[in-house]
């Protein structure tokens, strides 16, 4: 499988839900700001946290899926970084990936 196809699928399966969670959290917080600023802030932060957890959980699974279908690891990483799907190798944010089982 070409790395470009895998990255496009990763965008749909990982980043689109991340964007939706962010939008839902911040959108809901925007409408709740009149009720309670504290509650609206908690909702916004929760949306961000759920989005990050989604990304952290599903990126390693996406990567394993892509590599298992023959995508070149270097090209996958390069295109993933370029497309905003993954962080650069060695980034502190890369450490937030949740790996299950063997790596």
PDB file of N, CA and C in Angstrom:
ATOM      1  N   UNK A   1       0.849  -1.177   0.000  1.00  0.00           N
ATOM      2  CA  UNK A   1       0.000   0.000   0.000  1.00  0.00           C
ATOM      3  C   UNK A   1       0.893   1.238   0.000  1.00  0.00           C
ATOM      4  N   UNK A   2       0.602   2.174  -0.848  1.00  0.00           N
ATOM      5  CA  UNK A   2       1.370   3.422  -0.841  1.00  0.00           C
ATOM      6  C   UNK A   2       1.138   4.200   0.456  1.00  0.00           C
ATOM      7  N   UNK A   3       2.192   4.824   0.936  1.00  0.00           N
ATOM      8  CA  UNK A   3       2.093   5.595   2.174  1.00  0.00           C
ATOM      9  C   UNK A   3       1.082   6.731   2.037  1.00  0.00           C
ATOM     10  N   UNK A   4       0.968   7.298   0.855  1.00  0.00           N
ATOM     11  CA  UNK A   4       0.021   8.405   0.660  1.00  0.00           C
ATOM     12  C   UNK A   4      -1.423   7.950   0.880  1.00  0.00           C
ATOM     13  N   UNK A   5      -1.736   6.741   0.460  1.00  0.00           N
ATOM     14  CA  UNK A   5      -3.085   6.193   0.663  1.00  0.00           C
ATOM     15  C   UNK A   5      -3.323   5.948   2.153  1.00  0.00           C
ATOM     16  N   UNK A   6      -2.308   5.422   2.828  1.00  0.00           N
ATOM     17  CA  UNK A   6      -2.426   5.165   4.262  1.00  0.00           C
ATOM     18  C   UNK A   6      -2.610   6.464   5.045  1.00  0.00           C
ATOM     19  N   UNK A   7      -1.881   7.512   4.658  1.00  0.00           N
ATOM     20  CA  UNK A   7      -2.014   8.804   5.345  1.00  0.00           C
ATOM     21  C   UNK A   7      -3.399   9.395   5.103  1.00  0.00           C
ATOM     22  N   UNK A   8      -3.899   9.263   3.889  1.00  0.00           N
ATOM     23  CA  UNK A   8      -5.249   9.766   3.591  1.00  0.00           C
ATOM     24  C   UNK A   8      -6.282   9.046   4.455  1.00  0.00           C
ATOM     25  N   UNK A   9      -6.114   7.747   4.622  1.00  0.00           N
ATOM     26  CA  UNK A   9      -7.041   7.004   5.477  1.00  0.00           C
ATOM     27  C   UNK A   9      -6.872   7.403   6.938  1.00  0.00           C
ATOM     28  N   UNK A  10      -5.633   7.636   7.350  1.00  0.00           N
ATOM     29  CA  UNK A  10      -5.381   8.098   8.718  1.00  0.00           C
ATOM     30  C   UNK A  10      -6.030   9.438   8.991  1.00  0.00           C
ATOM     31  N   UNK A  11      -6.035  10.299   7.993  1.00  0.00           N
ATOM     32  CA  UNK A  11      -6.702  11.595   8.142  1.00  0.00           C
ATOM     33  C   UNK A  11      -8.190  11.385   8.416  1.00  0.00           C
ATOM     34  N   UNK A  12      -8.790  10.479   7.669  1.00  0.00           N
ATOM     35  CA  UNK A  12     -10.235  10.234   7.835  1.00  0.00           C
ATOM     36  C   UNK A  12     -10.556   9.534   9.149  1.00  0.00           C
ATOM     37  N   UNK A  13      -9.743   8.569   9.537  1.00  0.00           N
ATOM     38  CA  UNK A  13     -10.061   7.751  10.703  1.00  0.00           C
ATOM     39  C   UNK A  13      -9.538   8.312  12.023  1.00  0.00           C
ATOM     40  N   UNK A  14      -8.540   9.173  11.956  1.00  0.00           N
ATOM     41  CA  UNK A  14      -7.958   9.708  13.184  1.00  0.00           C
ATOM     42  C   UNK A  14      -8.193  11.212  13.290  1.00  0.00           C
ATOM     43  N   UNK A  15      -7.755  11.968  12.299  1.00  0.00           N
ATOM     44  CA  UNK A  15      -7.821  13.430  12.428  1.00  0.00           C
ATOM     45  C   UNK A  15      -9.223  14.009  12.275  1.00  0.00           C
ATOM     46  N   UNK A  16     -10.058  13.427  11.449  1.00  0.00           N
ATOM     47  CA  UNK A  16     -11.420  13.963  11.336  1.00  0.00           C
ATOM     48  C   UNK A  16     -12.170  13.836  12.655  1.00  0.00           C
ATOM     49  N   UNK A  17     -12.123  12.669  13.318  1.00  0.00           N
ATOM     50  CA  UNK A  17     -12.776  12.597  14.636  1.00  0.00           C
ATOM     51  C   UNK A  17     -12.143  13.538  15.667  1.00  0.00           C
ATOM     52  N   UNK A  18     -10.826  13.740  15.589  1.00  0.00           N
ATOM     53  CA  UNK A  18     -10.173  14.684  16.491  1.00  0.00           C
ATOM     54  C   UNK A  18     -10.753  16.080  16.284  1.00  0.00           C
ATOM     55  N   UNK A  19     -10.875  16.480  15.040  1.00  0.00           N
ATOM     56  CA  UNK A  19     -11.442  17.799  14.746  1.00  0.00           C
ATOM     57  C   UNK A  19     -12.890  17.902  15.214  1.00  0.00           C
ATOM     58  N   UNK A  20     -13.640  16.833  15.031  1.00  0.00           N
ATOM     59  CA  UNK A  20     -15.034  16.829  15.466  1.00  0.00           C
ATOM     60  C   UNK A  20     -15.133  16.955  16.989  1.00  0.00           C
ATOM     61  N   UNK A  21     -14.290  16.224  17.715  1.00  0.00           N
ATOM     62  CA  UNK A  21     -14.287  16.323  19.177  1.00  0.00           C
ATOM     63  C   UNK A  21     -13.899  17.724  19.638  1.00  0.00           C
ATOM     64  N   UNK A  22     -12.899  18.309  18.991  1.00  0.00           N
ATOM     65  CA  UNK A  22     -12.508  19.679  19.341  1.00  0.00           C
ATOM     66  C   UNK A  22     -13.645  20.658  19.069  1.00  0.00           C
ATOM     67  N   UNK A  23     -14.246  20.522  17.896  1.00  0.00           N
ATOM     68  CA  UNK A  23     -15.346  21.406  17.524  1.00  0.00           C
ATOM     69  C   UNK A  23     -16.530  21.243  18.484  1.00  0.00           C
ATOM     70  N   UNK A  24     -16.845  20.012  18.833  1.00  0.00           N
ATOM     71  CA  UNK A  24     -17.959  19.764  19.756  1.00  0.00           C
ATOM     72  C   UNK A  24     -17.670  20.365  21.130  1.00  0.00           C
ATOM     73  N   UNK A  25     -16.459  20.165  21.620  1.00  0.00           N
ATOM     74  CA  UNK A  25     -16.110  20.696  22.942  1.00  0.00           C
ATOM     75  C   UNK A  25     -16.114  22.210  22.979  1.00  0.00           C
ATOM     76  N   UNK A  26     -15.439  22.828  22.015  1.00  0.00           N
ATOM     77  CA  UNK A  26     -15.367  24.287  22.007  1.00  0.00           C
ATOM     78  C   UNK A  26     -16.697  24.922  21.600  1.00  0.00           C
ATOM     79  N   UNK A  27     -17.413  24.271  20.697  1.00  0.00           N
ATOM     80  CA  UNK A  27     -18.724  24.783  20.297  1.00  0.00           C
ATOM     81  C   UNK A  27     -19.718  24.748  21.443  1.00  0.00           C
ATOM     82  N   UNK A  28     -19.731  23.632  22.158  1.00  0.00           N
ATOM     83  CA  UNK A  28     -20.616  23.514  23.313  1.00  0.00           C
ATOM     84  C   UNK A  28     -20.228  24.532  24.387  1.00  0.00           C
ATOM     85  N   UNK A  29     -18.930  24.680  24.611  1.00  0.00           N
ATOM     86  CA  UNK A  29     -18.461  25.652  25.607  1.00  0.00           C
ATOM     87  C   UNK A  29     -18.881  27.062  25.223  1.00  0.00           C
ATOM     88  N   UNK A  30     -18.837  27.360  23.938  1.00  0.00           N
ATOM     89  CA  UNK A  30     -19.238  28.694  23.477  1.00  0.00           C
ATOM     90  C   UNK A  30     -20.696  28.982  23.844  1.00  0.00           C
ATOM     91  N   UNK A  31     -21.556  27.986  23.658  1.00  0.00           N
ATOM     92  CA  UNK A  31     -22.972  28.186  23.957  1.00  0.00           C
ATOM     93  C   UNK A  31     -23.265  28.150  25.452  1.00  0.00           C
ATOM     94  N   UNK A  32     -22.375  27.526  26.224  1.00  0.00           N
ATOM     95  CA  UNK A  32     -22.578  27.446  27.671  1.00  0.00           C
ATOM     96  C   UNK A  32     -21.940  28.603  28.432  1.00  0.00           C
ATOM     97  N   UNK A  33     -21.207  29.453  27.737  1.00  0.00           N
ATOM     98  CA  UNK A  33     -20.470  30.526  28.416  1.00  0.00           C
ATOM     99  C   UNK A  33     -21.402  31.453  29.197  1.00  0.00           C
ATOM    100  N   UNK A  34     -22.628  31.615  28.733  1.00  0.00           N
ATOM    101  CA  UNK A  34     -23.573  32.470  29.443  1.00  0.00           C
ATOM    102  C   UNK A  34     -24.109  31.825  30.704  1.00  0.00           C
ATOM    103  N   UNK A  35     -24.142  30.511  30.737  1.00  0.00           N
ATOM    104  CA  UNK A  35     -24.638  29.790  31.906  1.00  0.00           C
ATOM    105  C   UNK A  35     -23.599  29.810  33.017  1.00  0.00           C
ATOM    106  N   UNK A  36     -22.373  29.401  32.670  1.00  0.00           N
ATOM    107  CA  UNK A  36     -21.296  29.350  33.655  1.00  0.00           C
ATOM    108  C   UNK A  36     -19.956  29.333  32.917  1.00  0.00           C
ATOM    109  N   UNK A  37     -19.149  30.310  33.192  1.00  0.00           N
ATOM    110  CA  UNK A  37     -17.831  30.374  32.556  1.00  0.00           C
ATOM    111  C   UNK A  37     -16.973  29.195  32.986  1.00  0.00           C
ATOM    112  N   UNK A  38     -17.073  28.820  34.249  1.00  0.00           N
ATOM    113  CA  UNK A  38     -16.289  27.687  34.757  1.00  0.00           C
ATOM    114  C   UNK A  38     -16.718  26.402  34.063  1.00  0.00           C
ATOM    115  N   UNK A  39     -18.014  26.172  33.976  1.00  0.00           N
ATOM    116  CA  UNK A  39     -18.520  24.963  33.314  1.00  0.00           C
ATOM    117  C   UNK A  39     -18.151  24.951  31.838  1.00  0.00           C
ATOM    118  N   UNK A  40     -18.253  26.084  31.188  1.00  0.00           N
ATOM    119  CA  UNK A  40     -17.884  26.176  29.776  1.00  0.00           C
ATOM    120  C   UNK A  40     -16.405  25.857  29.587  1.00  0.00           C
ATOM    121  N   UNK A  41     -15.572  26.318  30.503  1.00  0.00           N
ATOM    122  CA  UNK A  41     -14.140  26.026  30.434  1.00  0.00           C
ATOM    123  C   UNK A  41     -13.876  24.542  30.615  1.00  0.00           C
ATOM    124  N   UNK A  42     -14.582  23.926  31.567  1.00  0.00           N
ATOM    125  CA  UNK A  42     -14.428  22.482  31.794  1.00  0.00           C
ATOM    126  C   UNK A  42     -14.833  21.706  30.540  1.00  0.00           C
ATOM    127  N   UNK A  43     -15.905  22.110  29.898  1.00  0.00           N
ATOM    128  CA  UNK A  43     -16.364  21.448  28.675  1.00  0.00           C
ATOM    129  C   UNK A  43     -15.325  21.602  27.564  1.00  0.00           C
ATOM    130  N   UNK A  44     -14.770  22.798  27.404  1.00  0.00           N
ATOM    131  CA  UNK A  44     -13.768  23.042  26.366  1.00  0.00           C
ATOM    132  C   UNK A  44     -12.517  22.202  26.610  1.00  0.00           C
ATOM    133  N   UNK A  45     -12.056  22.180  27.851  1.00  0.00           N
ATOM    134  CA  UNK A  45     -10.866  21.397  28.198  1.00  0.00           C
ATOM    135  C   UNK A  45     -11.148  19.906  28.018  1.00  0.00           C
ATOM    136  N   UNK A  46     -12.350  19.469  28.351  1.00  0.00           N
ATOM    137  CA  UNK A  46     -12.720  18.059  28.168  1.00  0.00           C
ATOM    138  C   UNK A  46     -12.728  17.682  26.692  1.00  0.00           C
ATOM    139  N   UNK A  47     -13.234  18.559  25.844  1.00  0.00           N
ATOM    140  CA  UNK A  47     -13.215  18.300  24.411  1.00  0.00           C
ATOM    141  C   UNK A  47     -11.801  18.130  23.894  1.00  0.00           C
ATOM    142  N   UNK A  48     -10.908  19.006  24.357  1.00  0.00           N
ATOM    143  CA  UNK A  48      -9.500  18.907  23.978  1.00  0.00           C
ATOM    144  C   UNK A  48      -8.899  17.600  24.478  1.00  0.00           C
ATOM    145  N   UNK A  49      -9.181  17.240  25.734  1.00  0.00           N
ATOM    146  CA  UNK A  49      -8.625  16.019  26.318  1.00  0.00           C
ATOM    147  C   UNK A  49      -9.125  14.773  25.582  1.00  0.00           C
ATOM    148  N   UNK A  50     -10.414  14.727  25.266  1.00  0.00           N
ATOM    149  CA  UNK A  50     -10.948  13.575  24.536  1.00  0.00           C
ATOM    150  C   UNK A  50     -10.356  13.485  23.134  1.00  0.00           C
ATOM    151  N   UNK A  51     -10.148  14.631  22.497  1.00  0.00           N
ATOM    152  CA  UNK A  51      -9.539  14.641  21.169  1.00  0.00           C
ATOM    153  C   UNK A  51      -8.113  14.105  21.234  1.00  0.00           C
ATOM    154  N   UNK A  52      -7.373  14.548  22.233  1.00  0.00           N
ATOM    155  CA  UNK A  52      -5.993  14.079  22.373  1.00  0.00           C
ATOM    156  C   UNK A  52      -5.964  12.591  22.687  1.00  0.00           C
ATOM    157  N   UNK A  53      -6.841  12.115  23.550  1.00  0.00           N
ATOM    158  CA  UNK A  53      -6.892  10.684  23.857  1.00  0.00           C
ATOM    159  C   UNK A  53      -7.243   9.862  22.614  1.00  0.00           C
ATOM    160  N   UNK A  54      -8.165  10.363  21.804  1.00  0.00           N
ATOM    161  CA  UNK A  54      -8.516   9.675  20.563  1.00  0.00           C
ATOM    162  C   UNK A  54      -7.274   9.523  19.690  1.00  0.00           C
ATOM    163  N   UNK A  55      -6.580  10.638  19.499  1.00  0.00           N
ATOM    164  CA  UNK A  55      -5.368  10.612  18.672  1.00  0.00           C
ATOM    165  C   UNK A  55      -4.334   9.653  19.261  1.00  0.00           C
ATOM    166  N   UNK A  56      -4.091   9.767  20.573  1.00  0.00           N
ATOM    167  CA  UNK A  56      -3.069   8.961  21.234  1.00  0.00           C
ATOM    168  C   UNK A  56      -3.351   7.471  21.136  1.00  0.00           C
ATOM    169  N   UNK A  57      -4.606   7.101  21.164  1.00  0.00           N
ATOM    170  CA  UNK A  57      -4.995   5.696  21.116  1.00  0.00           C
ATOM    171  C   UNK A  57      -4.970   5.148  19.685  1.00  0.00           C
ATOM    172  N   UNK A  58      -5.465   5.931  18.727  1.00  0.00           N
ATOM    173  CA  UNK A  58      -5.640   5.392  17.383  1.00  0.00           C
ATOM    174  C   UNK A  58      -4.449   5.558  16.445  1.00  0.00           C
ATOM    175  N   UNK A  59      -3.541   6.482  16.708  1.00  0.00           N
ATOM    176  CA  UNK A  59      -2.368   6.634  15.835  1.00  0.00           C
ATOM    177  C   UNK A  59      -1.494   5.381  15.822  1.00  0.00           C
ATOM    178  N   UNK A  60      -1.164   4.785  16.971  1.00  0.00           N
ATOM    179  CA  UNK A  60      -0.358   3.563  16.901  1.00  0.00           C
ATOM    180  C   UNK A  60      -1.075   2.428  16.154  1.00  0.00           C
ATOM    181  N   UNK A  61      -2.383   2.339  16.304  1.00  0.00           N
ATOM    182  CA  UNK A  61      -3.133   1.315  15.585  1.00  0.00           C
ATOM    183  C   UNK A  61      -3.124   1.583  14.087  1.00  0.00           C
ATOM    184  N   UNK A  62      -3.287   2.845  13.707  1.00  0.00           N
ATOM    185  CA  UNK A  62      -3.231   3.203  12.291  1.00  0.00           C
ATOM    186  C   UNK A  62      -1.861   2.883  11.717  1.00  0.00           C
ATOM    187  N   UNK A  63      -0.799   3.239  12.448  1.00  0.00           N
ATOM    188  CA  UNK A  63       0.557   2.991  11.976  1.00  0.00           C
ATOM    189  C   UNK A  63       0.797   1.494  11.786  1.00  0.00           C
ATOM    190  N   UNK A  64       0.385   0.683  12.757  1.00  0.00           N
ATOM    191  CA  UNK A  64       0.549  -0.773  12.638  1.00  0.00           C
ATOM    192  C   UNK A  64      -0.240  -1.308  11.447  1.00  0.00           C
ATOM    193  N   UNK A  65      -1.441  -0.787  11.251  1.00  0.00           N
ATOM    194  CA  UNK A  65      -2.261  -1.199  10.115  1.00  0.00           C
ATOM    195  C   UNK A  65      -1.550  -0.875   8.796  1.00  0.00           C
ATOM    196  N   UNK A  66      -1.042   0.344   8.678  1.00  0.00           N
ATOM    197  CA  UNK A  66      -0.386   0.775   7.438  1.00  0.00           C
ATOM    198  C   UNK A  66       0.888  -0.025   7.178  1.00  0.00           C
ATOM    199  N   UNK A  67       1.694  -0.216   8.205  1.00  0.00           N
ATOM    200  CA  UNK A  67       2.932  -0.970   8.030  1.00  0.00           C
ATOM    201  C   UNK A  67       2.645  -2.432   7.724  1.00  0.00           C
ATOM    202  N   UNK A  68       1.582  -2.962   8.300  1.00  0.00           N
ATOM    203  CA  UNK A  68       1.184  -4.344   8.031  1.00  0.00           C
ATOM    204  C   UNK A  68       0.698  -4.551   6.612  1.00  0.00           C
ATOM    205  N   UNK A  69       0.366  -3.489   5.929  1.00  0.00           N
ATOM    206  CA  UNK A  69      -0.077  -3.574   4.538  1.00  0.00           C
ATOM    207  C   UNK A  69       0.995  -3.103   3.565  1.00  0.00           C
ATOM    208  N   UNK A  70       2.224  -3.009   4.074  1.00  0.00           N
ATOM    209  CA  UNK A  70       3.355  -2.765   3.198  1.00  0.00           C
ATOM    210  C   UNK A  70       3.754  -1.322   2.982  1.00  0.00           C
ATOM    211  N   UNK A  71       3.193  -0.386   3.722  1.00  0.00           N
ATOM    212  CA  UNK A  71       3.606   1.015   3.572  1.00  0.00           C
ATOM    213  C   UNK A  71       5.033   1.176   4.071  1.00  0.00           C
ATOM    214  N   UNK A  72       5.817   1.974   3.371  1.00  0.00           N
ATOM    215  CA  UNK A  72       7.191   2.243   3.761  1.00  0.00           C
ATOM    216  C   UNK A  72       7.191   3.110   5.029  1.00  0.00           C
ATOM    217  N   UNK A  73       7.909   2.660   6.066  1.00  0.00           N
ATOM    218  CA  UNK A  73       7.879   3.339   7.359  1.00  0.00           C
ATOM    219  C   UNK A  73       8.390   4.779   7.268  1.00  0.00           C
ATOM    220  N   UNK A  74       9.472   5.002   6.562  1.00  0.00           N
ATOM    221  CA  UNK A  74      10.028   6.340   6.443  1.00  0.00           C
ATOM    222  C   UNK A  74       9.110   7.290   5.698  1.00  0.00           C
ATOM    223  N   UNK A  75       8.551   6.807   4.596  1.00  0.00           N
ATOM    224  CA  UNK A  75       7.622   7.616   3.800  1.00  0.00           C
ATOM    225  C   UNK A  75       6.337   7.883   4.583  1.00  0.00           C
ATOM    226  N   UNK A  76       5.881   6.878   5.312  1.00  0.00           N
ATOM    227  CA  UNK A  76       4.677   7.030   6.132  1.00  0.00           C
ATOM    228  C   UNK A  76       4.881   8.123   7.178  1.00  0.00           C
ATOM    229  N   UNK A  77       6.037   8.105   7.831  1.00  0.00           N
ATOM    230  CA  UNK A  77       6.345   9.120   8.840  1.00  0.00           C
ATOM    231  C   UNK A  77       6.449  10.500   8.203  1.00  0.00           C
ATOM    232  N   UNK A  78       7.172  10.595   7.093  1.00  0.00           N
ATOM    233  CA  UNK A  78       7.373  11.880   6.432  1.00  0.00           C
ATOM    234  C   UNK A  78       6.050  12.492   5.981  1.00  0.00           C
ATOM    235  N   UNK A  79       5.226  11.681   5.317  1.00  0.00           N
ATOM    236  CA  UNK A  79       3.929  12.182   4.843  1.00  0.00           C
ATOM    237  C   UNK A  79       2.970  12.447   5.997  1.00  0.00           C
ATOM    238  N   UNK A  80       3.065  11.633   7.045  1.00  0.00           N
ATOM    239  CA  UNK A  80       2.226  11.845   8.226  1.00  0.00           C
ATOM    240  C   UNK A  80       2.530  13.158   8.915  1.00  0.00           C
ATOM    241  N   UNK A  81       3.813  13.484   9.053  1.00  0.00           N
ATOM    242  CA  UNK A  81       4.210  14.762   9.649  1.00  0.00           C
ATOM    243  C   UNK A  81       3.774  15.904   8.747  1.00  0.00           C
ATOM    244  N   UNK A  82       4.040  15.756   7.453  1.00  0.00           N
ATOM    245  CA  UNK A  82       3.678  16.793   6.482  1.00  0.00           C
ATOM    246  C   UNK A  82       2.176  17.066   6.490  1.00  0.00           C
ATOM    247  N   UNK A  83       1.374  16.014   6.671  1.00  0.00           N
ATOM    248  CA  UNK A  83      -0.076  16.157   6.667  1.00  0.00           C
ATOM    249  C   UNK A  83      -0.681  16.465   8.025  1.00  0.00           C
ATOM    250  N   UNK A  84       0.143  16.606   9.060  1.00  0.00           N
ATOM    251  CA  UNK A  84      -0.372  16.922  10.385  1.00  0.00           C
ATOM    252  C   UNK A  84      -1.034  15.744  11.085  1.00  0.00           C
ATOM    253  N   UNK A  85      -0.707  14.544  10.643  1.00  0.00           N
ATOM    254  CA  UNK A  85      -1.297  13.355  11.248  1.00  0.00           C
ATOM    255  C   UNK A  85      -0.478  12.871  12.436  1.00  0.00           C
ATOM    256  N   UNK A  86       0.839  12.932  12.339  1.00  0.00           N
ATOM    257  CA  UNK A  86       1.730  12.491  13.416  1.00  0.00           C
ATOM    258  C   UNK A  86       2.740  13.591  13.710  1.00  0.00           C
ATOM    259  N   UNK A  87       3.400  13.464  14.842  1.00  0.00           N
ATOM    260  CA  UNK A  87       4.446  14.403  15.236  1.00  0.00           C
ATOM    261  C   UNK A  87       5.786  13.885  14.740  1.00  0.00           C
ATOM    262  N   UNK A  88       6.766  14.758  14.698  1.00  0.00           N
ATOM    263  CA  UNK A  88       8.115  14.350  14.299  1.00  0.00           C
ATOM    264  C   UNK A  88       8.663  13.338  15.294  1.00  0.00           C
ATOM    265  N   UNK A  89       9.499  12.430  14.803  1.00  0.00           N
ATOM    266  CA  UNK A  89      10.143  11.443  15.676  1.00  0.00           C
ATOM    267  C   UNK A  89      10.936  12.173  16.749  1.00  0.00           C
ATOM    268  N   UNK A  90      10.806  11.698  17.980  1.00  0.00           N
ATOM    269  CA  UNK A  90      11.522  12.298  19.090  1.00  0.00           C
ATOM    270  C   UNK A  90      10.795  13.450  19.750  1.00  0.00           C
ATOM    271  N   UNK A  91       9.666  13.872  19.176  1.00  0.00           N
ATOM    272  CA  UNK A  91       8.895  14.962  19.764  1.00  0.00           C
ATOM    273  C   UNK A  91       8.305  14.507  21.097  1.00  0.00           C
ATOM    274  N   UNK A  92       8.194  15.436  22.025  1.00  0.00           N
ATOM    275  CA  UNK A  92       7.585  15.114  23.316  1.00  0.00           C
ATOM    276  C   UNK A  92       6.129  14.674  23.119  1.00  0.00           C
ATOM    277  N   UNK A  93       5.468  15.206  22.096  1.00  0.00           N
ATOM    278  CA  UNK A  93       4.079  14.836  21.840  1.00  0.00           C
ATOM    279  C   UNK A  93       3.963  13.404  21.334  1.00  0.00           C
ATOM    280  N   UNK A  94       4.998  12.933  20.661  1.00  0.00           N
ATOM    281  CA  UNK A  94       4.997  11.545  20.198  1.00  0.00           C
ATOM    282  C   UNK A  94       4.939  10.585  21.388  1.00  0.00           C
ATOM    283  N   UNK A  95       5.459  11.012  22.513  1.00  0.00           N
ATOM    284  CA  UNK A  95       5.456  10.176  23.715  1.00  0.00           C
ATOM    285  C   UNK A  95       4.053   9.950  24.268  1.00  0.00           C
ATOM    286  N   UNK A  96       3.069  10.725  23.805  1.00  0.00           N
ATOM    287  CA  UNK A  96       1.711  10.557  24.316  1.00  0.00           C
ATOM    288  C   UNK A  96       0.946   9.457  23.580  1.00  0.00           C
ATOM    289  N   UNK A  97       1.570   8.826  22.589  1.00  0.00           N
ATOM    290  CA  UNK A  97       0.913   7.713  21.900  1.00  0.00           C
ATOM    291  C   UNK A  97       0.715   6.565  22.880  1.00  0.00           C
ATOM    292  N   UNK A  98      -0.443   5.950  22.827  1.00  0.00           N
ATOM    293  CA  UNK A  98      -0.780   4.840  23.724  1.00  0.00           C
ATOM    294  C   UNK A  98      -0.590   3.539  22.956  1.00  0.00           C
ATOM    295  N   UNK A  99       0.506   2.854  23.270  1.00  0.00           N
ATOM    296  CA  UNK A  99       0.811   1.588  22.583  1.00  0.00           C
ATOM    297  C   UNK A  99       0.274   0.436  23.410  1.00  0.00           C
ATOM    298  N   UNK A 100      -0.393  -0.470  22.729  1.00  0.00           N
ATOM    299  CA  UNK A 100      -0.915  -1.666  23.391  1.00  0.00           C
ATOM    300  C   UNK A 100      -0.060  -2.843  22.987  1.00  0.00           C
ATOM    301  N   UNK A 101       0.322  -3.646  23.955  1.00  0.00           N
ATOM    302  CA  UNK A 101       1.102  -4.850  23.651  1.00  0.00           C
ATOM    303  C   UNK A 101       2.501  -4.534  23.181  1.00  0.00           C
ATOM    304  N   UNK A 102       3.010  -5.361  22.274  1.00  0.00           N
ATOM    305  CA  UNK A 102       4.370  -5.219  21.770  1.00  0.00           C
ATOM    306  C   UNK A 102       4.468  -4.062  20.807  1.00  0.00           C
ATOM    307  N   UNK A 103       5.612  -3.402  20.800  1.00  0.00           N
ATOM    308  CA  UNK A 103       5.865  -2.291  19.876  1.00  0.00           C
ATOM    309  C   UNK A 103       6.718  -2.742  18.745  1.00  0.00           C
TER     310      UNK A 103
END
